[in-house]
């Protein structure tokens, strides 16, 4: 990765976006300050995070992507 003009090269670290709180799993996204969840397992949270990322990449708005996540959980698709 190259630095912008006038900036030094730096190493950037990606933080873990999954978090377990009181036995329930959540994931974090840049667009929201609140965690998204809860999910019953780490795997379910990982699938939901991947689906959210895909929704955003396909051009859905943040609200649409979160609505999609809600519907997936409501119908136990995760």
N, C-alpha and C. Protein backbone atom coordinates (compact mmCIF):
# COMPACT_ATOMS: atom_id res chain seq x y z
N UNK A 1 0.85 -1.17 0.00
CA UNK A 1 0.00 0.00 0.00
C UNK A 1 0.89 1.23 0.00
N UNK A 2 0.61 2.16 -0.87
CA UNK A 2 1.45 3.36 -0.92
C UNK A 2 0.81 4.49 -0.12
N UNK A 3 1.67 5.33 0.41
CA UNK A 3 1.21 6.47 1.20
C UNK A 3 0.84 7.62 0.28
N UNK A 4 -0.04 8.48 0.76
CA UNK A 4 -0.36 9.68 0.02
C UNK A 4 0.81 10.64 0.07
N UNK A 5 0.85 11.56 -0.86
CA UNK A 5 1.93 12.54 -0.93
C UNK A 5 2.05 13.27 0.40
N UNK A 6 3.26 13.27 0.96
CA UNK A 6 3.52 13.97 2.21
C UNK A 6 3.26 13.14 3.46
N UNK A 7 2.78 11.91 3.30
CA UNK A 7 2.53 11.06 4.46
C UNK A 7 3.53 9.91 4.49
N UNK A 8 3.82 9.45 5.68
CA UNK A 8 4.72 8.32 5.83
C UNK A 8 3.96 7.02 5.66
N UNK A 9 4.68 5.98 5.20
CA UNK A 9 4.07 4.65 5.14
C UNK A 9 3.70 4.22 6.54
N UNK A 10 2.58 3.53 6.66
CA UNK A 10 2.13 3.05 7.96
C UNK A 10 1.47 1.69 7.80
N UNK A 11 1.47 0.94 8.86
CA UNK A 11 0.78 -0.33 8.87
C UNK A 11 -0.59 -0.11 9.49
N UNK A 12 -1.63 -0.55 8.78
CA UNK A 12 -2.99 -0.41 9.26
C UNK A 12 -3.50 -1.76 9.69
N UNK A 13 -4.13 -1.81 10.84
CA UNK A 13 -4.64 -3.06 11.38
C UNK A 13 -6.16 -3.07 11.30
N UNK A 14 -6.70 -4.20 10.89
CA UNK A 14 -8.15 -4.36 10.86
C UNK A 14 -8.58 -4.97 12.19
N UNK A 15 -9.51 -4.33 12.85
CA UNK A 15 -9.95 -4.84 14.15
C UNK A 15 -10.98 -5.94 13.95
N UNK A 16 -11.11 -6.75 14.98
CA UNK A 16 -12.12 -7.81 14.96
C UNK A 16 -13.49 -7.15 14.97
N UNK A 17 -14.35 -7.56 14.10
CA UNK A 17 -15.67 -6.96 14.02
C UNK A 17 -16.75 -7.79 14.70
N UNK A 18 -16.36 -8.94 15.26
CA UNK A 18 -17.30 -9.78 15.98
C UNK A 18 -17.07 -9.64 17.47
N UNK A 19 -18.16 -9.65 18.23
CA UNK A 19 -18.03 -9.49 19.67
C UNK A 19 -19.10 -10.34 20.37
N UNK A 20 -18.70 -11.00 21.43
CA UNK A 20 -19.63 -11.79 22.24
C UNK A 20 -19.95 -11.01 23.51
N UNK A 21 -21.24 -10.77 23.74
CA UNK A 21 -21.70 -10.04 24.92
C UNK A 21 -22.79 -10.89 25.58
N UNK A 22 -22.51 -11.31 26.81
CA UNK A 22 -23.47 -12.12 27.57
C UNK A 22 -23.93 -13.36 26.79
N UNK A 23 -23.00 -13.98 26.08
CA UNK A 23 -23.31 -15.22 25.36
C UNK A 23 -23.99 -15.02 24.02
N UNK A 24 -24.23 -13.80 23.61
CA UNK A 24 -24.83 -13.50 22.30
C UNK A 24 -23.79 -12.83 21.43
N UNK A 25 -23.85 -13.08 20.13
CA UNK A 25 -22.85 -12.56 19.20
C UNK A 25 -23.39 -11.38 18.41
N UNK A 26 -22.51 -10.42 18.16
CA UNK A 26 -22.82 -9.19 17.43
C UNK A 26 -21.69 -8.92 16.44
N UNK A 27 -21.98 -8.07 15.43
CA UNK A 27 -20.90 -7.59 14.58
C UNK A 27 -20.99 -6.08 14.45
N UNK A 28 -19.86 -5.48 14.17
CA UNK A 28 -19.77 -4.03 14.03
C UNK A 28 -19.51 -3.67 12.57
N UNK A 29 -20.02 -2.52 12.17
CA UNK A 29 -19.76 -1.98 10.83
C UNK A 29 -19.37 -0.52 10.98
N UNK A 30 -18.66 -0.02 10.01
CA UNK A 30 -18.19 1.37 10.06
C UNK A 30 -19.34 2.37 10.07
N UNK A 31 -20.42 2.03 9.38
CA UNK A 31 -21.51 2.97 9.20
C UNK A 31 -22.34 3.19 10.46
N UNK A 32 -22.24 2.30 11.43
CA UNK A 32 -23.06 2.38 12.64
C UNK A 32 -22.18 2.33 13.87
N UNK A 33 -22.61 3.05 14.90
CA UNK A 33 -21.87 2.99 16.15
C UNK A 33 -22.33 1.84 17.02
N UNK A 34 -23.58 1.40 16.84
CA UNK A 34 -24.12 0.28 17.62
C UNK A 34 -23.72 -1.04 16.98
N UNK A 35 -23.60 -2.06 17.81
CA UNK A 35 -23.36 -3.40 17.30
C UNK A 35 -24.66 -3.94 16.69
N UNK A 36 -24.53 -4.81 15.70
CA UNK A 36 -25.69 -5.40 15.05
C UNK A 36 -25.83 -6.83 15.56
N UNK A 37 -27.01 -7.17 16.01
CA UNK A 37 -27.25 -8.49 16.56
C UNK A 37 -28.41 -8.41 17.53
N UNK A 38 -28.62 -9.36 18.34
CA UNK A 38 -27.74 -10.48 18.65
C UNK A 38 -27.96 -11.68 17.73
N UNK A 39 -26.95 -12.53 17.68
CA UNK A 39 -27.00 -13.79 16.95
C UNK A 39 -26.68 -14.90 17.93
N UNK A 40 -27.19 -16.07 17.66
CA UNK A 40 -27.05 -17.18 18.60
C UNK A 40 -25.66 -17.80 18.62
N UNK A 41 -24.89 -17.59 17.55
CA UNK A 41 -23.55 -18.17 17.48
C UNK A 41 -22.61 -17.25 16.72
N UNK A 42 -21.33 -17.50 16.88
CA UNK A 42 -20.32 -16.72 16.16
C UNK A 42 -20.48 -16.94 14.66
N UNK A 43 -20.78 -18.17 14.27
CA UNK A 43 -20.95 -18.49 12.85
C UNK A 43 -22.14 -17.72 12.26
N UNK A 44 -23.23 -17.62 13.01
CA UNK A 44 -24.39 -16.88 12.53
C UNK A 44 -24.05 -15.40 12.38
N UNK A 45 -23.30 -14.85 13.32
CA UNK A 45 -22.88 -13.45 13.23
C UNK A 45 -21.96 -13.23 12.04
N UNK A 46 -21.06 -14.19 11.78
CA UNK A 46 -20.17 -14.09 10.63
C UNK A 46 -20.96 -14.12 9.32
N UNK A 47 -21.95 -15.00 9.23
CA UNK A 47 -22.79 -15.06 8.03
C UNK A 47 -23.56 -13.76 7.84
N UNK A 48 -24.10 -13.23 8.93
CA UNK A 48 -24.85 -11.98 8.85
C UNK A 48 -23.95 -10.82 8.43
N UNK A 49 -22.73 -10.79 8.96
CA UNK A 49 -21.78 -9.73 8.59
C UNK A 49 -21.43 -9.83 7.12
N UNK A 50 -21.23 -11.05 6.63
CA UNK A 50 -20.93 -11.24 5.20
C UNK A 50 -22.11 -10.82 4.34
N UNK A 51 -23.33 -11.16 4.77
CA UNK A 51 -24.52 -10.77 4.02
C UNK A 51 -24.68 -9.25 4.01
N UNK A 52 -24.43 -8.62 5.15
CA UNK A 52 -24.52 -7.16 5.23
C UNK A 52 -23.51 -6.52 4.27
N UNK A 53 -22.28 -7.02 4.29
CA UNK A 53 -21.24 -6.49 3.40
C UNK A 53 -21.64 -6.65 1.94
N UNK A 54 -22.18 -7.80 1.61
CA UNK A 54 -22.63 -8.04 0.24
C UNK A 54 -23.76 -7.10 -0.15
N UNK A 55 -24.70 -6.89 0.77
CA UNK A 55 -25.80 -5.95 0.51
C UNK A 55 -25.27 -4.55 0.21
N UNK A 56 -24.34 -4.08 1.00
CA UNK A 56 -23.76 -2.75 0.79
C UNK A 56 -23.01 -2.70 -0.54
N UNK A 57 -22.24 -3.75 -0.84
CA UNK A 57 -21.47 -3.80 -2.09
C UNK A 57 -22.40 -3.80 -3.31
N UNK A 58 -23.59 -4.37 -3.15
CA UNK A 58 -24.56 -4.41 -4.26
C UNK A 58 -25.34 -3.11 -4.40
N UNK A 59 -25.07 -2.15 -3.51
CA UNK A 59 -25.68 -0.84 -3.64
C UNK A 59 -26.88 -0.59 -2.76
N UNK A 60 -27.21 -1.53 -1.88
CA UNK A 60 -28.31 -1.27 -0.95
C UNK A 60 -27.88 -0.19 0.04
N UNK A 61 -28.83 0.56 0.51
CA UNK A 61 -28.51 1.56 1.54
C UNK A 61 -28.28 0.84 2.86
N UNK A 62 -27.74 1.54 3.82
CA UNK A 62 -27.52 0.97 5.15
C UNK A 62 -28.84 0.50 5.75
N UNK A 63 -29.89 1.30 5.59
CA UNK A 63 -31.21 0.95 6.13
C UNK A 63 -31.73 -0.32 5.47
N UNK A 64 -31.60 -0.42 4.14
CA UNK A 64 -32.05 -1.62 3.43
C UNK A 64 -31.26 -2.85 3.87
N UNK A 65 -29.95 -2.68 4.02
CA UNK A 65 -29.11 -3.81 4.43
C UNK A 65 -29.48 -4.28 5.83
N UNK A 66 -29.73 -3.34 6.75
CA UNK A 66 -30.12 -3.72 8.11
C UNK A 66 -31.52 -4.33 8.12
N UNK A 67 -32.43 -3.83 7.28
CA UNK A 67 -33.76 -4.42 7.18
C UNK A 67 -33.66 -5.86 6.69
N UNK A 68 -32.79 -6.08 5.73
CA UNK A 68 -32.56 -7.42 5.21
C UNK A 68 -32.07 -8.33 6.32
N UNK A 69 -31.16 -7.84 7.16
CA UNK A 69 -30.65 -8.62 8.29
C UNK A 69 -31.78 -8.95 9.26
N UNK A 70 -32.64 -7.98 9.53
CA UNK A 70 -33.76 -8.20 10.44
C UNK A 70 -34.68 -9.29 9.90
N UNK A 71 -34.98 -9.23 8.61
CA UNK A 71 -35.86 -10.23 8.01
C UNK A 71 -35.23 -11.63 8.05
N UNK A 72 -33.93 -11.69 7.81
CA UNK A 72 -33.24 -12.99 7.86
C UNK A 72 -33.37 -13.58 9.26
N UNK A 73 -33.17 -12.77 10.29
CA UNK A 73 -33.28 -13.27 11.69
C UNK A 73 -34.72 -13.62 12.02
N UNK A 74 -35.67 -12.78 11.59
CA UNK A 74 -37.07 -13.02 11.91
C UNK A 74 -37.56 -14.34 11.36
N UNK A 75 -37.04 -14.71 10.20
CA UNK A 75 -37.45 -15.98 9.58
C UNK A 75 -36.42 -17.08 9.78
N UNK A 76 -35.52 -16.86 10.74
CA UNK A 76 -34.51 -17.88 11.12
C UNK A 76 -33.71 -18.39 9.94
N UNK A 77 -33.31 -17.48 9.06
CA UNK A 77 -32.51 -17.85 7.90
C UNK A 77 -31.04 -17.91 8.26
N UNK A 78 -30.62 -17.30 9.38
CA UNK A 78 -29.19 -17.28 9.72
C UNK A 78 -28.72 -18.56 10.31
